[in-house]
């Protein structure tokens, strides 16, 4: 009879790969910031790759690439442009790190990771 205990459950590489993949890329969808614009001009929520704003002038869905485009075209300038570029660079670094971790995991380099107690 095979080992069907909890140790077998935690040694399942497909399970850990799926959990890691879902949680790491889930952070790109889950809102990170809730913010207010100006003197009660509007509200918004923001994640790593998108932003949704509600204002009296209309609702806006702005994605990562539109933000970078606004900076490159000069629509947003000054300190706001610098902060958006730093944010965009941080998102790229995070994305590359997640992709490299998933690649490392898929190549069975799991010896570096160990579940505590097993």
Foldseek 3Di string as FASTA:
>chain_A
DDPPDVVVVVVDLVVVLVVLVCVLCVQQVDWDDWAADDPNQWIWTDGLFWIWIQGPVGIDIATLVNLLVCLVVVVDDDPVSVVSVVSSVVSVVSVVVSVVVSVCSVVVVCPVDDDPPD
